[in-house]
């Protein structure tokens, strides 16, 4: 039992490191795919109650930009084309509703706790 436990404790950091490498590669792949269509990561969020609340608290110019990016991505996808390099999103992980989304989720949890 002790040898098995030692072996497992030795493999845990290796597994964690392997997961971190795979995670970075996947994140890079997603960023490239988003950039091809000019999207940001948060443009793909499923519009749940919390996302709707966060978007409702967002600046109207940011919402218009988001809508334009999504429409352009649909159009490019339908035409099977990519956005020219100079127009591609520089950093698809530039978050624009993350703080508002965290607040909306916190408020929802708080309401659920108070209302039973």
PDB file of N, CA and C in Angstrom:
ATOM      1  N   UNK A   1       0.834  -1.189   0.000  1.00  0.00           N
ATOM      2  CA  UNK A   1       0.000   0.000   0.000  1.00  0.00           C
ATOM      3  C   UNK A   1       0.872   1.243   0.000  1.00  0.00           C
ATOM      4  N   UNK A   2       1.921   1.250   0.772  1.00  0.00           N
ATOM      5  CA  UNK A   2       2.799   2.414   0.862  1.00  0.00           C
ATOM      6  C   UNK A   2       3.498   2.669  -0.471  1.00  0.00           C
ATOM      7  N   UNK A   3       3.959   1.597  -1.131  1.00  0.00           N
ATOM      8  CA  UNK A   3       4.630   1.762  -2.423  1.00  0.00           C
ATOM      9  C   UNK A   3       3.656   2.318  -3.468  1.00  0.00           C
ATOM     10  N   UNK A   4       2.436   1.826  -3.416  1.00  0.00           N
ATOM     11  CA  UNK A   4       1.425   2.301  -4.361  1.00  0.00           C
ATOM     12  C   UNK A   4       1.137   3.788  -4.126  1.00  0.00           C
ATOM     13  N   UNK A   5       1.063   4.168  -2.876  1.00  0.00           N
ATOM     14  CA  UNK A   5       0.806   5.570  -2.530  1.00  0.00           C
ATOM     15  C   UNK A   5       1.972   6.450  -2.974  1.00  0.00           C
ATOM     16  N   UNK A   6       3.202   5.969  -2.771  1.00  0.00           N
ATOM     17  CA  UNK A   6       4.382   6.724  -3.197  1.00  0.00           C
ATOM     18  C   UNK A   6       4.406   6.884  -4.710  1.00  0.00           C
ATOM     19  N   UNK A   7       4.034   5.821  -5.417  1.00  0.00           N
ATOM     20  CA  UNK A   7       4.003   5.871  -6.865  1.00  0.00           C
ATOM     21  C   UNK A   7       2.962   6.881  -7.345  1.00  0.00           C
ATOM     22  N   UNK A   8       1.827   6.892  -6.702  1.00  0.00           N
ATOM     23  CA  UNK A   8       0.760   7.820  -7.068  1.00  0.00           C
ATOM     24  C   UNK A   8       1.181   9.258  -6.789  1.00  0.00           C
ATOM     25  N   UNK A   9       1.852   9.479  -5.653  1.00  0.00           N
ATOM     26  CA  UNK A   9       2.283  10.840  -5.330  1.00  0.00           C
ATOM     27  C   UNK A   9       3.373  11.310  -6.290  1.00  0.00           C
ATOM     28  N   UNK A  10       4.139  10.387  -6.842  1.00  0.00           N
ATOM     29  CA  UNK A  10       5.158  10.723  -7.828  1.00  0.00           C
ATOM     30  C   UNK A  10       4.512  11.082  -9.169  1.00  0.00           C
ATOM     31  N   UNK A  11       3.449  10.395  -9.536  1.00  0.00           N
ATOM     32  CA  UNK A  11       2.789  10.614 -10.826  1.00  0.00           C
ATOM     33  C   UNK A  11       1.883  11.845 -10.839  1.00  0.00           C
ATOM     34  N   UNK A  12       1.404  12.268  -9.695  1.00  0.00           N
ATOM     35  CA  UNK A  12       0.484  13.402  -9.636  1.00  0.00           C
ATOM     36  C   UNK A  12       1.080  14.673 -10.251  1.00  0.00           C
ATOM     37  N   UNK A  13       2.299  15.096  -9.896  1.00  0.00           N
ATOM     38  CA  UNK A  13       2.866  16.295 -10.524  1.00  0.00           C
ATOM     39  C   UNK A  13       3.068  16.127 -12.033  1.00  0.00           C
ATOM     40  N   UNK A  14       3.406  14.917 -12.453  1.00  0.00           N
ATOM     41  CA  UNK A  14       3.600  14.645 -13.870  1.00  0.00           C
ATOM     42  C   UNK A  14       2.272  14.804 -14.621  1.00  0.00           C
ATOM     43  N   UNK A  15       1.213  14.266 -14.055  1.00  0.00           N
ATOM     44  CA  UNK A  15      -0.115  14.397 -14.653  1.00  0.00           C
ATOM     45  C   UNK A  15      -0.559  15.847 -14.706  1.00  0.00           C
ATOM     46  N   UNK A  16      -0.268  16.587 -13.649  1.00  0.00           N
ATOM     47  CA  UNK A  16      -0.635  17.996 -13.592  1.00  0.00           C
ATOM     48  C   UNK A  16       0.121  18.775 -14.663  1.00  0.00           C
ATOM     49  N   UNK A  17       1.404  18.496 -14.815  1.00  0.00           N
ATOM     50  CA  UNK A  17       2.231  19.182 -15.814  1.00  0.00           C
ATOM     51  C   UNK A  17       1.736  18.851 -17.224  1.00  0.00           C
ATOM     52  N   UNK A  18       1.398  17.602 -17.461  1.00  0.00           N
ATOM     53  CA  UNK A  18       0.880  17.180 -18.758  1.00  0.00           C
ATOM     54  C   UNK A  18      -0.435  17.888 -19.064  1.00  0.00           C
ATOM     55  N   UNK A  19      -1.291  18.004 -18.080  1.00  0.00           N
ATOM     56  CA  UNK A  19      -2.566  18.695 -18.246  1.00  0.00           C
ATOM     57  C   UNK A  19      -2.339  20.172 -18.555  1.00  0.00           C
ATOM     58  N   UNK A  20      -1.381  20.806 -17.877  1.00  0.00           N
ATOM     59  CA  UNK A  20      -1.078  22.223 -18.109  1.00  0.00           C
ATOM     60  C   UNK A  20      -0.583  22.454 -19.536  1.00  0.00           C
ATOM     61  N   UNK A  21       0.269  21.582 -20.037  1.00  0.00           N
ATOM     62  CA  UNK A  21       0.791  21.710 -21.400  1.00  0.00           C
ATOM     63  C   UNK A  21      -0.352  21.551 -22.403  1.00  0.00           C
ATOM     64  N   UNK A  22      -1.176  20.524 -22.211  1.00  0.00           N
ATOM     65  CA  UNK A  22      -2.310  20.300 -23.115  1.00  0.00           C
ATOM     66  C   UNK A  22      -3.281  21.476 -23.056  1.00  0.00           C
ATOM     67  N   UNK A  23      -3.485  22.017 -21.871  1.00  0.00           N
ATOM     68  CA  UNK A  23      -4.383  23.150 -21.689  1.00  0.00           C
ATOM     69  C   UNK A  23      -3.891  24.369 -22.456  1.00  0.00           C
ATOM     70  N   UNK A  24      -2.603  24.656 -22.376  1.00  0.00           N
ATOM     71  CA  UNK A  24      -2.034  25.813 -23.081  1.00  0.00           C
ATOM     72  C   UNK A  24      -2.153  25.636 -24.591  1.00  0.00           C
ATOM     73  N   UNK A  25      -1.899  24.431 -25.071  1.00  0.00           N
ATOM     74  CA  UNK A  25      -1.999  24.177 -26.502  1.00  0.00           C
ATOM     75  C   UNK A  25      -3.440  24.326 -26.987  1.00  0.00           C
ATOM     76  N   UNK A  26      -4.383  23.828 -26.206  1.00  0.00           N
ATOM     77  CA  UNK A  26      -5.790  23.930 -26.584  1.00  0.00           C
ATOM     78  C   UNK A  26      -6.240  25.394 -26.570  1.00  0.00           C
ATOM     79  N   UNK A  27      -5.820  26.128 -25.564  1.00  0.00           N
ATOM     80  CA  UNK A  27      -6.174  27.548 -25.475  1.00  0.00           C
ATOM     81  C   UNK A  27      -5.631  28.309 -26.678  1.00  0.00           C
ATOM     82  N   UNK A  28      -4.426  27.995 -27.099  1.00  0.00           N
ATOM     83  CA  UNK A  28      -3.822  28.621 -28.267  1.00  0.00           C
ATOM     84  C   UNK A  28      -4.602  28.268 -29.535  1.00  0.00           C
ATOM     85  N   UNK A  29      -5.009  27.026 -29.665  1.00  0.00           N
ATOM     86  CA  UNK A  29      -5.786  26.583 -30.817  1.00  0.00           C
ATOM     87  C   UNK A  29      -7.132  27.312 -30.883  1.00  0.00           C
ATOM     88  N   UNK A  30      -7.803  27.423 -29.746  1.00  0.00           N
ATOM     89  CA  UNK A  30      -9.084  28.133 -29.688  1.00  0.00           C
ATOM     90  C   UNK A  30      -8.890  29.601 -30.051  1.00  0.00           C
ATOM     91  N   UNK A  31      -7.835  30.218 -29.552  1.00  0.00           N
ATOM     92  CA  UNK A  31      -7.559  31.627 -29.858  1.00  0.00           C
ATOM     93  C   UNK A  31      -7.370  31.832 -31.355  1.00  0.00           C
ATOM     94  N   UNK A  32      -6.665  30.927 -32.003  1.00  0.00           N
ATOM     95  CA  UNK A  32      -6.456  31.037 -33.452  1.00  0.00           C
ATOM     96  C   UNK A  32      -7.773  30.897 -34.207  1.00  0.00           C
ATOM     97  N   UNK A  33      -8.606  29.950 -33.784  1.00  0.00           N
ATOM     98  CA  UNK A  33      -9.901  29.749 -34.455  1.00  0.00           C
ATOM     99  C   UNK A  33     -10.816  30.946 -34.259  1.00  0.00           C
ATOM    100  N   UNK A  34     -10.808  31.537 -33.071  1.00  0.00           N
ATOM    101  CA  UNK A  34     -11.622  32.724 -32.819  1.00  0.00           C
ATOM    102  C   UNK A  34     -11.131  33.898 -33.655  1.00  0.00           C
ATOM    103  N   UNK A  35      -9.824  34.062 -33.737  1.00  0.00           N
ATOM    104  CA  UNK A  35      -9.241  35.181 -34.477  1.00  0.00           C
ATOM    105  C   UNK A  35      -9.591  35.106 -35.959  1.00  0.00           C
ATOM    106  N   UNK A  36      -9.659  33.907 -36.514  1.00  0.00           N
ATOM    107  CA  UNK A  36      -9.984  33.737 -37.928  1.00  0.00           C
ATOM    108  C   UNK A  36     -11.343  34.353 -38.255  1.00  0.00           C
ATOM    109  N   UNK A  37     -12.256  34.323 -37.297  1.00  0.00           N
ATOM    110  CA  UNK A  37     -13.585  34.897 -37.503  1.00  0.00           C
ATOM    111  C   UNK A  37     -13.755  36.257 -36.825  1.00  0.00           C
ATOM    112  N   UNK A  38     -12.704  36.741 -36.167  1.00  0.00           N
ATOM    113  CA  UNK A  38     -12.759  38.049 -35.523  1.00  0.00           C
ATOM    114  C   UNK A  38     -13.569  38.054 -34.239  1.00  0.00           C
ATOM    115  N   UNK A  39     -13.678  36.907 -33.598  1.00  0.00           N
ATOM    116  CA  UNK A  39     -14.475  36.780 -32.372  1.00  0.00           C
ATOM    117  C   UNK A  39     -13.610  36.881 -31.126  1.00  0.00           C
ATOM    118  N   UNK A  40     -14.269  37.176 -30.032  1.00  0.00           N
ATOM    119  CA  UNK A  40     -13.653  37.111 -28.714  1.00  0.00           C
ATOM    120  C   UNK A  40     -14.298  35.946 -27.973  1.00  0.00           C
ATOM    121  N   UNK A  41     -13.599  35.429 -26.987  1.00  0.00           N
ATOM    122  CA  UNK A  41     -14.079  34.272 -26.239  1.00  0.00           C
ATOM    123  C   UNK A  41     -15.477  34.501 -25.663  1.00  0.00           C
ATOM    124  N   UNK A  42     -15.698  35.667 -25.099  1.00  0.00           N
ATOM    125  CA  UNK A  42     -16.979  35.940 -24.445  1.00  0.00           C
ATOM    126  C   UNK A  42     -18.130  36.120 -25.441  1.00  0.00           C
ATOM    127  N   UNK A  43     -17.823  36.265 -26.722  1.00  0.00           N
ATOM    128  CA  UNK A  43     -18.874  36.324 -27.731  1.00  0.00           C
ATOM    129  C   UNK A  43     -19.598  34.985 -27.849  1.00  0.00           C
ATOM    130  N   UNK A  44     -18.945  33.909 -27.413  1.00  0.00           N
ATOM    131  CA  UNK A  44     -19.496  32.569 -27.564  1.00  0.00           C
ATOM    132  C   UNK A  44     -20.285  32.080 -26.349  1.00  0.00           C
ATOM    133  N   UNK A  45     -20.353  32.884 -25.313  1.00  0.00           N
ATOM    134  CA  UNK A  45     -21.056  32.456 -24.111  1.00  0.00           C
ATOM    135  C   UNK A  45     -22.536  32.225 -24.404  1.00  0.00           C
ATOM    136  N   UNK A  46     -23.067  31.135 -23.886  1.00  0.00           N
ATOM    137  CA  UNK A  46     -24.493  30.849 -24.016  1.00  0.00           C
ATOM    138  C   UNK A  46     -25.241  31.899 -23.215  1.00  0.00           C
ATOM    139  N   UNK A  47     -26.236  32.486 -23.828  1.00  0.00           N
ATOM    140  CA  UNK A  47     -26.922  33.606 -23.193  1.00  0.00           C
ATOM    141  C   UNK A  47     -27.915  33.122 -22.136  1.00  0.00           C
ATOM    142  N   UNK A  48     -27.373  32.803 -20.988  1.00  0.00           N
ATOM    143  CA  UNK A  48     -28.157  32.389 -19.832  1.00  0.00           C
ATOM    144  C   UNK A  48     -28.658  33.636 -19.109  1.00  0.00           C
ATOM    145  N   UNK A  49     -29.366  33.425 -18.024  1.00  0.00           N
ATOM    146  CA  UNK A  49     -29.878  34.545 -17.224  1.00  0.00           C
ATOM    147  C   UNK A  49     -28.739  35.456 -16.753  1.00  0.00           C
ATOM    148  N   UNK A  50     -27.674  34.850 -16.280  1.00  0.00           N
ATOM    149  CA  UNK A  50     -26.547  35.639 -15.769  1.00  0.00           C
ATOM    150  C   UNK A  50     -25.830  36.395 -16.887  1.00  0.00           C
ATOM    151  N   UNK A  51     -25.662  35.750 -18.028  1.00  0.00           N
ATOM    152  CA  UNK A  51     -25.006  36.413 -19.156  1.00  0.00           C
ATOM    153  C   UNK A  51     -25.883  37.570 -19.641  1.00  0.00           C
ATOM    154  N   UNK A  52     -27.182  37.360 -19.719  1.00  0.00           N
ATOM    155  CA  UNK A  52     -28.095  38.427 -20.132  1.00  0.00           C
ATOM    156  C   UNK A  52     -28.011  39.615 -19.166  1.00  0.00           C
ATOM    157  N   UNK A  53     -27.958  39.323 -17.869  1.00  0.00           N
ATOM    158  CA  UNK A  53     -27.841  40.386 -16.871  1.00  0.00           C
ATOM    159  C   UNK A  53     -26.543  41.157 -17.060  1.00  0.00           C
ATOM    160  N   UNK A  54     -25.448  40.425 -17.240  1.00  0.00           N
ATOM    161  CA  UNK A  54     -24.139  41.068 -17.431  1.00  0.00           C
ATOM    162  C   UNK A  54     -24.124  41.917 -18.703  1.00  0.00           C
ATOM    163  N   UNK A  55     -24.700  41.397 -19.774  1.00  0.00           N
ATOM    164  CA  UNK A  55     -24.749  42.158 -21.021  1.00  0.00           C
ATOM    165  C   UNK A  55     -25.621  43.398 -20.876  1.00  0.00           C
ATOM    166  N   UNK A  56     -26.687  43.276 -20.101  1.00  0.00           N
ATOM    167  CA  UNK A  56     -27.567  44.419 -19.867  1.00  0.00           C
ATOM    168  C   UNK A  56     -26.879  45.544 -19.112  1.00  0.00           C
ATOM    169  N   UNK A  57     -25.852  45.222 -18.372  1.00  0.00           N
ATOM    170  CA  UNK A  57     -25.111  46.221 -17.598  1.00  0.00           C
ATOM    171  C   UNK A  57     -23.892  46.739 -18.346  1.00  0.00           C
ATOM    172  N   UNK A  58     -23.755  46.309 -19.598  1.00  0.00           N
ATOM    173  CA  UNK A  58     -22.582  46.656 -20.390  1.00  0.00           C
ATOM    174  C   UNK A  58     -22.860  47.867 -21.273  1.00  0.00           C
ATOM    175  N   UNK A  59     -21.835  48.622 -21.518  1.00  0.00           N
ATOM    176  CA  UNK A  59     -21.871  49.796 -22.383  1.00  0.00           C
ATOM    177  C   UNK A  59     -22.460  49.431 -23.754  1.00  0.00           C
ATOM    178  N   UNK A  60     -23.299  50.307 -24.307  1.00  0.00           N
ATOM    179  CA  UNK A  60     -23.966  50.027 -25.582  1.00  0.00           C
ATOM    180  C   UNK A  60     -22.979  49.899 -26.746  1.00  0.00           C
ATOM    181  N   UNK A  61     -21.876  50.612 -26.709  1.00  0.00           N
ATOM    182  CA  UNK A  61     -20.897  50.491 -27.799  1.00  0.00           C
ATOM    183  C   UNK A  61     -20.230  49.111 -27.780  1.00  0.00           C
ATOM    184  N   UNK A  62     -20.024  48.579 -26.598  1.00  0.00           N
ATOM    185  CA  UNK A  62     -19.452  47.233 -26.486  1.00  0.00           C
ATOM    186  C   UNK A  62     -20.445  46.210 -27.010  1.00  0.00           C
ATOM    187  N   UNK A  63     -21.725  46.402 -26.707  1.00  0.00           N
ATOM    188  CA  UNK A  63     -22.753  45.480 -27.191  1.00  0.00           C
ATOM    189  C   UNK A  63     -22.862  45.526 -28.718  1.00  0.00           C
ATOM    190  N   UNK A  64     -22.782  46.726 -29.288  1.00  0.00           N
ATOM    191  CA  UNK A  64     -22.830  46.850 -30.757  1.00  0.00           C
ATOM    192  C   UNK A  64     -21.626  46.151 -31.391  1.00  0.00           C
ATOM    193  N   UNK A  65     -20.462  46.322 -30.805  1.00  0.00           N
ATOM    194  CA  UNK A  65     -19.253  45.657 -31.318  1.00  0.00           C
ATOM    195  C   UNK A  65     -19.410  44.145 -31.259  1.00  0.00           C
ATOM    196  N   UNK A  66     -19.950  43.668 -30.159  1.00  0.00           N
ATOM    197  CA  UNK A  66     -20.176  42.227 -29.984  1.00  0.00           C
ATOM    198  C   UNK A  66     -21.122  41.711 -31.056  1.00  0.00           C
ATOM    199  N   UNK A  67     -22.215  42.420 -31.252  1.00  0.00           N
ATOM    200  CA  UNK A  67     -23.199  42.015 -32.249  1.00  0.00           C
ATOM    201  C   UNK A  67     -22.584  42.005 -33.652  1.00  0.00           C
ATOM    202  N   UNK A  68     -21.780  43.007 -33.970  1.00  0.00           N
ATOM    203  CA  UNK A  68     -21.118  43.067 -35.278  1.00  0.00           C
ATOM    204  C   UNK A  68     -20.147  41.905 -35.467  1.00  0.00           C
ATOM    205  N   UNK A  69     -19.396  41.576 -34.406  1.00  0.00           N
ATOM    206  CA  UNK A  69     -18.461  40.453 -34.503  1.00  0.00           C
ATOM    207  C   UNK A  69     -19.197  39.145 -34.753  1.00  0.00           C
ATOM    208  N   UNK A  70     -20.300  38.930 -34.053  1.00  0.00           N
ATOM    209  CA  UNK A  70     -21.058  37.687 -34.206  1.00  0.00           C
ATOM    210  C   UNK A  70     -21.672  37.601 -35.605  1.00  0.00           C
ATOM    211  N   UNK A  71     -22.273  38.692 -36.086  1.00  0.00           N
ATOM    212  CA  UNK A  71     -22.855  38.694 -37.431  1.00  0.00           C
ATOM    213  C   UNK A  71     -21.785  38.435 -38.488  1.00  0.00           C
ATOM    214  N   UNK A  72     -20.636  39.096 -38.342  1.00  0.00           N
ATOM    215  CA  UNK A  72     -19.544  38.919 -39.297  1.00  0.00           C
ATOM    216  C   UNK A  72     -19.062  37.469 -39.283  1.00  0.00           C
ATOM    217  N   UNK A  73     -18.974  36.877 -38.103  1.00  0.00           N
ATOM    218  CA  UNK A  73     -18.517  35.492 -37.988  1.00  0.00           C
ATOM    219  C   UNK A  73     -19.498  34.536 -38.668  1.00  0.00           C
ATOM    220  N   UNK A  74     -20.803  34.764 -38.488  1.00  0.00           N
ATOM    221  CA  UNK A  74     -21.802  33.934 -39.167  1.00  0.00           C
ATOM    222  C   UNK A  74     -21.652  34.059 -40.680  1.00  0.00           C
ATOM    223  N   UNK A  75     -21.483  35.280 -41.163  1.00  0.00           N
ATOM    224  CA  UNK A  75     -21.346  35.526 -42.590  1.00  0.00           C
ATOM    225  C   UNK A  75     -20.100  34.839 -43.154  1.00  0.00           C
ATOM    226  N   UNK A  76     -18.973  35.010 -42.466  1.00  0.00           N
ATOM    227  CA  UNK A  76     -17.724  34.387 -42.912  1.00  0.00           C
ATOM    228  C   UNK A  76     -17.831  32.865 -42.901  1.00  0.00           C
ATOM    229  N   UNK A  77     -18.456  32.341 -41.887  1.00  0.00           N
ATOM    230  CA  UNK A  77     -18.609  30.900 -41.772  1.00  0.00           C
ATOM    231  C   UNK A  77     -19.480  30.361 -42.912  1.00  0.00           C
ATOM    232  N   UNK A  78     -20.576  31.049 -43.205  1.00  0.00           N
ATOM    233  CA  UNK A  78     -21.464  30.621 -44.290  1.00  0.00           C
ATOM    234  C   UNK A  78     -20.745  30.657 -45.634  1.00  0.00           C
ATOM    235  N   UNK A  79     -19.868  31.637 -45.814  1.00  0.00           N
ATOM    236  CA  UNK A  79     -19.127  31.779 -47.073  1.00  0.00           C
ATOM    237  C   UNK A  79     -17.859  30.937 -47.088  1.00  0.00           C
ATOM    238  N   UNK A  80     -17.572  30.288 -45.961  1.00  0.00           N
ATOM    239  CA  UNK A  80     -16.360  29.476 -45.800  1.00  0.00           C
ATOM    240  C   UNK A  80     -15.094  30.292 -46.091  1.00  0.00           C
ATOM    241  N   UNK A  81     -15.082  31.492 -45.506  1.00  0.00           N
ATOM    242  CA  UNK A  81     -13.936  32.391 -45.668  1.00  0.00           C
ATOM    243  C   UNK A  81     -13.384  32.751 -44.299  1.00  0.00           C
ATOM    244  N   UNK A  82     -12.172  33.283 -44.310  1.00  0.00           N
ATOM    245  CA  UNK A  82     -11.540  33.761 -43.079  1.00  0.00           C
ATOM    246  C   UNK A  82     -11.403  35.272 -43.156  1.00  0.00           C
ATOM    247  N   UNK A  83     -11.373  35.887 -42.019  1.00  0.00           N
ATOM    248  CA  UNK A  83     -11.171  37.319 -41.929  1.00  0.00           C
ATOM    249  C   UNK A  83      -9.726  37.645 -42.329  1.00  0.00           C
ATOM    250  N   UNK A  84      -9.490  38.723 -43.092  1.00  0.00           N
ATOM    251  CA  UNK A  84      -8.104  39.089 -43.437  1.00  0.00           C
ATOM    252  C   UNK A  84      -7.263  39.277 -42.167  1.00  0.00           C
ATOM    253  N   UNK A  85      -6.006  38.943 -42.258  1.00  0.00           N
ATOM    254  CA  UNK A  85      -5.095  38.991 -41.101  1.00  0.00           C
ATOM    255  C   UNK A  85      -5.132  40.323 -40.364  1.00  0.00           C
ATOM    256  N   UNK A  86      -5.190  41.437 -41.102  1.00  0.00           N
ATOM    257  CA  UNK A  86      -5.140  42.747 -40.458  1.00  0.00           C
ATOM    258  C   UNK A  86      -6.410  43.056 -39.656  1.00  0.00           C
ATOM    259  N   UNK A  87      -7.496  42.329 -39.908  1.00  0.00           N
ATOM    260  CA  UNK A  87      -8.743  42.556 -39.171  1.00  0.00           C
ATOM    261  C   UNK A  87      -8.991  41.523 -38.076  1.00  0.00           C
ATOM    262  N   UNK A  88      -8.147  40.515 -38.017  1.00  0.00           N
ATOM    263  CA  UNK A  88      -8.356  39.462 -37.023  1.00  0.00           C
ATOM    264  C   UNK A  88      -8.149  39.992 -35.611  1.00  0.00           C
ATOM    265  N   UNK A  89      -8.878  39.415 -34.674  1.00  0.00           N
ATOM    266  CA  UNK A  89      -8.814  39.798 -33.278  1.00  0.00           C
ATOM    267  C   UNK A  89      -7.405  39.558 -32.742  1.00  0.00           C
ATOM    268  N   UNK A  90      -6.831  40.585 -32.123  1.00  0.00           N
ATOM    269  CA  UNK A  90      -5.480  40.452 -31.578  1.00  0.00           C
ATOM    270  C   UNK A  90      -5.449  39.512 -30.384  1.00  0.00           C
ATOM    271  N   UNK A  91      -6.363  39.729 -29.454  1.00  0.00           N
ATOM    272  CA  UNK A  91      -6.398  38.899 -28.258  1.00  0.00           C
ATOM    273  C   UNK A  91      -7.834  38.440 -28.003  1.00  0.00           C
ATOM    274  N   UNK A  92      -8.198  37.243 -28.468  1.00  0.00           N
ATOM    275  CA  UNK A  92      -9.562  36.762 -28.274  1.00  0.00           C
ATOM    276  C   UNK A  92      -9.941  36.585 -26.802  1.00  0.00           C
ATOM    277  N   UNK A  93      -8.954  36.562 -25.936  1.00  0.00           N
ATOM    278  CA  UNK A  93      -9.239  36.394 -24.502  1.00  0.00           C
ATOM    279  C   UNK A  93      -9.303  37.738 -23.775  1.00  0.00           C
ATOM    280  N   UNK A  94      -9.445  38.819 -24.505  1.00  0.00           N
ATOM    281  CA  UNK A  94      -9.660  40.134 -23.915  1.00  0.00           C
ATOM    282  C   UNK A  94     -11.110  40.154 -23.413  1.00  0.00           C
ATOM    283  N   UNK A  95     -11.284  40.042 -22.117  1.00  0.00           N
ATOM    284  CA  UNK A  95     -12.615  39.879 -21.532  1.00  0.00           C
ATOM    285  C   UNK A  95     -13.300  41.221 -21.323  1.00  0.00           C
ATOM    286  N   UNK A  96     -14.561  41.294 -21.717  1.00  0.00           N
ATOM    287  CA  UNK A  96     -15.284  42.551 -21.592  1.00  0.00           C
ATOM    288  C   UNK A  96     -16.511  42.474 -20.688  1.00  0.00           C
ATOM    289  N   UNK A  97     -16.953  41.273 -20.311  1.00  0.00           N
ATOM    290  CA  UNK A  97     -18.079  41.185 -19.371  1.00  0.00           C
ATOM    291  C   UNK A  97     -17.776  40.304 -18.163  1.00  0.00           C
ATOM    292  N   UNK A  98     -16.551  39.878 -18.010  1.00  0.00           N
ATOM    293  CA  UNK A  98     -16.196  38.928 -16.950  1.00  0.00           C
ATOM    294  C   UNK A  98     -16.569  39.434 -15.554  1.00  0.00           C
ATOM    295  N   UNK A  99     -16.229  40.674 -15.246  1.00  0.00           N
ATOM    296  CA  UNK A  99     -16.517  41.211 -13.907  1.00  0.00           C
ATOM    297  C   UNK A  99     -18.023  41.311 -13.688  1.00  0.00           C
ATOM    298  N   UNK A 100     -18.750  41.776 -14.697  1.00  0.00           N
ATOM    299  CA  UNK A 100     -20.206  41.893 -14.576  1.00  0.00           C
ATOM    300  C   UNK A 100     -20.856  40.513 -14.473  1.00  0.00           C
ATOM    301  N   UNK A 101     -20.289  39.541 -15.169  1.00  0.00           N
ATOM    302  CA  UNK A 101     -20.812  38.176 -15.126  1.00  0.00           C
ATOM    303  C   UNK A 101     -20.611  37.556 -13.743  1.00  0.00           C
ATOM    304  N   UNK A 102     -19.436  37.765 -13.156  1.00  0.00           N
ATOM    305  CA  UNK A 102     -19.191  37.263 -11.788  1.00  0.00           C
ATOM    306  C   UNK A 102     -20.195  37.874 -10.816  1.00  0.00           C
ATOM    307  N   UNK A 103     -20.441  39.174 -10.947  1.00  0.00           N
ATOM    308  CA  UNK A 103     -21.392  39.863 -10.084  1.00  0.00           C
ATOM    309  C   UNK A 103     -22.801  39.312 -10.282  1.00  0.00           C
ATOM    310  N   UNK A 104     -23.205  39.094 -11.525  1.00  0.00           N
ATOM    311  CA  UNK A 104     -24.538  38.554 -11.811  1.00  0.00           C
ATOM    312  C   UNK A 104     -24.700  37.153 -11.224  1.00  0.00           C
ATOM    313  N   UNK A 105     -23.669  36.321 -11.326  1.00  0.00           N
ATOM    314  CA  UNK A 105     -23.729  34.970 -10.747  1.00  0.00           C
ATOM    315  C   UNK A 105     -23.818  35.027  -9.227  1.00  0.00           C
ATOM    316  N   UNK A 106     -23.038  35.936  -8.635  1.00  0.00           N
ATOM    317  CA  UNK A 106     -23.071  36.100  -7.179  1.00  0.00           C
ATOM    318  C   UNK A 106     -24.462  36.544  -6.727  1.00  0.00           C
ATOM    319  N   UNK A 107     -25.043  37.503  -7.443  1.00  0.00           N
ATOM    320  CA  UNK A 107     -26.372  37.994  -7.092  1.00  0.00           C
ATOM    321  C   UNK A 107     -27.426  36.899  -7.235  1.00  0.00           C
ATOM    322  N   UNK A 108     -27.286  36.070  -8.274  1.00  0.00           N
ATOM    323  CA  UNK A 108     -28.235  34.964  -8.465  1.00  0.00           C
ATOM    324  C   UNK A 108     -28.132  33.966  -7.309  1.00  0.00           C
ATOM    325  N   UNK A 109     -26.913  33.614  -6.927  1.00  0.00           N
ATOM    326  CA  UNK A 109     -26.715  32.697  -5.801  1.00  0.00           C
ATOM    327  C   UNK A 109     -27.289  33.289  -4.526  1.00  0.00           C
ATOM    328  N   UNK A 110     -27.062  34.583  -4.315  1.00  0.00           N
ATOM    329  CA  UNK A 110     -27.571  35.261  -3.131  1.00  0.00           C
ATOM    330  C   UNK A 110     -29.101  35.231  -3.099  1.00  0.00           C
ATOM    331  N   UNK A 111     -29.737  35.493  -4.242  1.00  0.00           N
ATOM    332  CA  UNK A 111     -31.208  35.446  -4.325  1.00  0.00           C
ATOM    333  C   UNK A 111     -31.724  34.044  -4.007  1.00  0.00           C
ATOM    334  N   UNK A 112     -31.033  33.026  -4.559  1.00  0.00           N
ATOM    335  CA  UNK A 112     -31.439  31.641  -4.322  1.00  0.00           C
ATOM    336  C   UNK A 112     -31.329  31.277  -2.844  1.00  0.00           C
ATOM    337  N   UNK A 113     -30.261  31.733  -2.205  1.00  0.00           N
ATOM    338  CA  UNK A 113     -30.083  31.452  -0.785  1.00  0.00           C
ATOM    339  C   UNK A 113     -31.143  32.156   0.064  1.00  0.00           C
ATOM    340  N   UNK A 114     -31.435  33.385  -0.284  1.00  0.00           N
ATOM    341  CA  UNK A 114     -32.429  34.157   0.494  1.00  0.00           C
ATOM    342  C   UNK A 114     -33.859  33.671   0.276  1.00  0.00           C
ATOM    343  N   UNK A 115     -34.154  33.212  -0.934  1.00  0.00           N
ATOM    344  CA  UNK A 115     -35.503  32.756  -1.257  1.00  0.00           C
ATOM    345  C   UNK A 115     -35.721  31.278  -1.002  1.00  0.00           C
ATOM    346  N   UNK A 116     -34.678  30.601  -0.583  1.00  0.00           N
ATOM    347  CA  UNK A 116     -34.793  29.200  -0.216  1.00  0.00           C
ATOM    348  C   UNK A 116     -34.734  28.327  -1.363  1.00  0.00           C
TER     349      UNK A 116
END
